[in-house]
Amino acid sequence: MRKLLSLILACALFFSFATAARAEGMIGLSTCRDVPAFQQRADDSLAAIEEKLLAAAPGSPQLAVYERKLDQTAKRFDRYSTMLCGEEGLPRLITDGRLNHAGDFLIPGLAFLYIAGWLGWAGRMYLIAVRDSGEAELKESTIDVPLALKCFAGALAWPAAALAEIASGQIREKEEAVPISPR
């Protein structure tokens, strides 16, 4: 359990320390803070929220919502200002493989693949565990929560488990075990 928690902590720290993407000269792209259309978009968005903020009654719940939204919008445009933008003022994702743009696409893409694989491997583990019990049909329609949580915890190291099963050949079924429908 300690090793599992250490692995989770290491992954969390790795993904939380990803550096923000910084702009650099590329053909047709400039730093967003230098693009007039981006500045216009930021000013328009902030002005629209400020109008609603001024129209809200003092002390009302709407006032708090608009203040929070104004702060979030200002932070969003501040984060985007370091990225690359086109002439229309929209930030661009750079996916050319350079590691200084890993925060744009590579790290989120790998995180997505890991989480999708984790969910799939946990579902696979659950179905295999249920298949071996006597109540397979019941447990497929009514989830056995303790078993499902055990499978989710066990699937955190799914890449290693998948490689081990691929190397051993255990992941494949024998030809005679696969039913073929008559044609």
Protein backbone atom coordinates (compact mmCIF):
# COMPACT_ATOMS: atom_id res chain seq x y z
CA MET A 1 0.00 0.00 0.00
CA ARG A 2 2.92 2.32 0.77
CA LYS A 3 4.38 1.83 -2.68
CA LEU A 4 1.00 2.55 -4.27
CA LEU A 5 0.61 5.79 -2.32
CA SER A 6 4.19 6.74 -3.20
CA LEU A 7 3.42 6.15 -6.87
CA ILE A 8 0.24 8.26 -6.67
CA LEU A 9 2.14 11.06 -4.93
CA ALA A 10 4.95 10.94 -7.50
CA CYS A 11 2.44 11.14 -10.38
CA ALA A 12 0.55 14.00 -8.72
CA LEU A 13 3.76 15.95 -8.17
CA PHE A 14 4.93 15.30 -11.73
CA PHE A 15 1.72 16.59 -13.27
CA SER A 16 1.44 19.58 -10.92
CA PHE A 17 4.93 20.85 -11.70
CA ALA A 18 4.45 20.93 -15.45
CA THR A 19 5.79 24.21 -16.73
CA ALA A 20 3.47 26.60 -18.48
CA ALA A 21 3.96 26.87 -22.22
CA ARG A 22 5.90 29.97 -23.21
CA ALA A 23 5.68 31.76 -26.50
CA GLU A 24 8.50 31.78 -29.00
CA GLY A 25 8.76 33.05 -32.51
CA MET A 26 6.94 30.90 -35.05
CA ILE A 27 5.76 31.83 -38.50
CA GLY A 28 2.52 33.79 -38.25
CA LEU A 29 2.26 33.46 -34.47
CA SER A 30 3.12 36.00 -31.80
CA THR A 31 2.95 36.15 -28.04
CA CYS A 32 -0.71 36.69 -27.19
CA ARG A 33 0.00 39.79 -25.09
CA ASP A 34 1.47 41.41 -28.23
CA VAL A 35 -1.54 40.67 -30.46
CA PRO A 36 -4.09 43.54 -30.55
CA ALA A 37 -7.02 41.20 -31.25
CA PHE A 38 -6.20 39.20 -28.10
CA GLN A 39 -6.08 42.38 -26.03
CA GLN A 40 -9.42 43.44 -27.53
CA ARG A 41 -10.98 40.07 -26.63
CA ALA A 42 -9.68 40.36 -23.08
CA ASP A 43 -10.92 43.94 -22.71
CA ASP A 44 -14.35 43.06 -24.14
CA SER A 45 -14.78 40.05 -21.86
CA LEU A 46 -13.73 41.95 -18.75
CA ALA A 47 -15.87 44.99 -19.65
CA ALA A 48 -18.97 42.81 -20.12
CA ILE A 49 -18.51 41.25 -16.69
CA GLU A 50 -17.79 44.64 -15.09
CA GLU A 51 -21.07 46.00 -16.51
CA LYS A 52 -22.98 43.14 -14.90
CA LEU A 53 -21.02 43.69 -11.70
CA LEU A 54 -22.07 47.35 -11.56
CA ALA A 55 -25.70 46.45 -12.28
CA ALA A 56 -25.88 43.87 -9.47
CA ALA A 57 -27.33 44.92 -6.14
CA PRO A 58 -24.77 45.38 -3.35
CA GLY A 59 -24.55 42.31 -1.11
CA SER A 60 -26.55 40.13 -3.51
CA PRO A 61 -25.48 36.60 -4.48
CA GLN A 62 -25.17 37.76 -8.09
CA LEU A 63 -22.55 40.31 -7.04
CA ALA A 64 -20.37 37.57 -5.53
CA VAL A 65 -20.80 35.43 -8.66
CA TYR A 66 -19.78 38.30 -10.96
CA GLU A 67 -16.78 39.17 -8.77
CA ARG A 68 -15.60 35.56 -8.91
CA LYS A 69 -16.20 35.40 -12.66
CA LEU A 70 -14.27 38.66 -13.19
CA ASP A 71 -11.32 37.29 -11.22
CA GLN A 72 -11.38 33.96 -13.11
CA THR A 73 -11.57 35.70 -16.49
CA ALA A 74 -8.67 38.02 -15.66
CA LYS A 75 -6.55 35.04 -14.55
CA ARG A 76 -7.47 33.08 -17.68
CA PHE A 77 -6.40 35.88 -20.02
CA ASP A 78 -3.23 36.37 -17.96
CA ARG A 79 -2.33 32.67 -18.39
CA TYR A 80 -3.12 32.77 -22.11
CA SER A 81 -0.99 35.90 -22.59
CA THR A 82 2.22 33.80 -22.51
CA MET A 83 1.04 31.44 -25.27
CA LEU A 84 1.23 31.89 -29.02
CA CYS A 85 -1.69 33.53 -30.85
CA GLY A 86 -2.65 34.05 -34.45
CA GLU A 87 -3.69 37.40 -35.91
CA GLU A 88 -7.31 36.82 -34.79
CA GLY A 89 -6.19 36.72 -31.13
CA LEU A 90 -6.93 33.07 -30.38
CA PRO A 91 -4.32 31.00 -28.51
CA ARG A 92 -2.85 28.05 -30.42
CA LEU A 93 -1.76 24.64 -29.20
CA ILE A 94 1.69 23.73 -30.47
CA THR A 95 1.92 19.98 -31.02
CA ASP A 96 5.14 19.67 -32.96
CA GLY A 97 6.95 17.56 -30.35
CA ARG A 98 9.14 20.24 -28.84
CA LEU A 99 9.38 19.69 -25.11
CA ASN A 100 9.09 23.39 -24.30
CA HIS A 101 5.46 23.08 -25.49
CA ALA A 102 4.77 19.89 -23.52
CA GLY A 103 2.27 21.76 -21.33
CA ASP A 104 0.16 22.59 -24.39
CA PHE A 105 -0.64 19.07 -25.52
CA LEU A 106 1.80 16.34 -24.54
CA ILE A 107 1.26 16.25 -20.76
CA PRO A 108 -2.56 16.57 -20.92
CA GLY A 109 -2.64 13.97 -23.71
CA LEU A 110 -0.58 11.48 -21.72
CA ALA A 111 -2.71 12.13 -18.63
CA PHE A 112 -5.83 11.41 -20.68
CA LEU A 113 -4.37 8.16 -22.03
CA TYR A 114 -3.33 7.06 -18.54
CA ILE A 115 -6.76 7.79 -17.04
CA ALA A 116 -8.62 6.15 -19.94
CA GLY A 117 -6.40 3.08 -19.66
CA TRP A 118 -6.89 3.02 -15.90
CA LEU A 119 -10.67 3.03 -16.27
CA GLY A 120 -10.56 0.37 -18.97
CA TRP A 121 -8.18 -1.86 -17.04
CA ALA A 122 -10.30 -1.51 -13.87
CA GLY A 123 -13.40 -2.50 -15.84
CA ARG A 124 -11.54 -5.45 -17.31
CA MET A 125 -10.36 -6.55 -13.86
CA TYR A 126 -13.92 -6.25 -12.52
CA LEU A 127 -15.41 -8.30 -15.35
CA ILE A 128 -12.77 -11.01 -14.95
CA ALA A 129 -13.37 -11.13 -11.18
CA VAL A 130 -17.15 -11.26 -11.69
CA ARG A 131 -16.87 -13.94 -14.37
CA ASP A 132 -15.22 -16.27 -11.90
CA SER A 133 -17.97 -15.79 -9.29
CA GLY A 134 -21.28 -17.63 -9.51
CA GLU A 135 -23.37 -14.46 -9.96
CA ALA A 136 -21.78 -12.98 -13.06
CA GLU A 137 -24.97 -11.64 -14.66
CA LEU A 138 -26.20 -10.09 -11.42
CA LYS A 139 -22.88 -8.40 -10.65
CA GLU A 140 -22.61 -7.00 -14.18
CA SER A 141 -25.94 -5.19 -13.86
CA THR A 142 -25.69 -4.39 -10.14
CA ILE A 143 -22.18 -3.21 -9.35
CA ASP A 144 -20.43 -4.80 -6.38
CA VAL A 145 -18.95 -1.56 -5.01
CA PRO A 146 -16.26 -3.04 -2.71
CA LEU A 147 -15.04 -5.27 -5.54
CA ALA A 148 -15.15 -2.35 -8.00
CA LEU A 149 -13.10 -0.13 -5.65
CA LYS A 150 -10.59 -2.95 -5.21
CA CYS A 151 -10.32 -3.24 -9.00
CA PHE A 152 -9.88 0.53 -9.40
CA ALA A 153 -7.10 0.55 -6.80
CA GLY A 154 -5.44 -2.45 -8.42
CA ALA A 155 -5.62 -0.87 -11.87
CA LEU A 156 -3.51 2.18 -10.95
CA ALA A 157 -0.41 0.38 -12.20
CA TRP A 158 -2.17 -0.75 -15.38
CA PRO A 159 0.71 -0.03 -17.79
CA ALA A 160 2.98 -2.47 -15.96
CA ALA A 161 0.20 -5.05 -15.65
CA ALA A 162 -0.63 -4.74 -19.35
CA LEU A 163 3.00 -5.16 -20.39
CA ALA A 164 3.36 -8.19 -18.11
CA GLU A 165 0.24 -9.81 -19.60
CA ILE A 166 1.35 -9.03 -23.15
CA ALA A 167 4.81 -10.49 -22.49
CA SER A 168 3.39 -13.65 -20.93
CA GLY A 169 0.70 -14.06 -23.60
CA GLN A 170 -2.00 -14.16 -20.94
CA ILE A 171 -3.88 -11.24 -22.48
CA ARG A 172 -4.85 -13.31 -25.53
CA GLU A 173 -7.51 -16.02 -25.54
CA LYS A 174 -6.87 -19.28 -27.30
CA GLU A 175 -8.55 -19.61 -30.70
CA GLU A 176 -10.81 -22.45 -29.56
CA ALA A 177 -12.06 -20.37 -26.59
CA VAL A 178 -13.41 -17.60 -28.84
CA PRO A 179 -16.96 -18.34 -30.05
CA ILE A 180 -17.64 -17.78 -33.74
CA SER A 181 -21.21 -17.22 -34.83
CA PRO A 182 -22.44 -19.35 -37.74
CA ARG A 183 -22.90 -17.53 -41.02
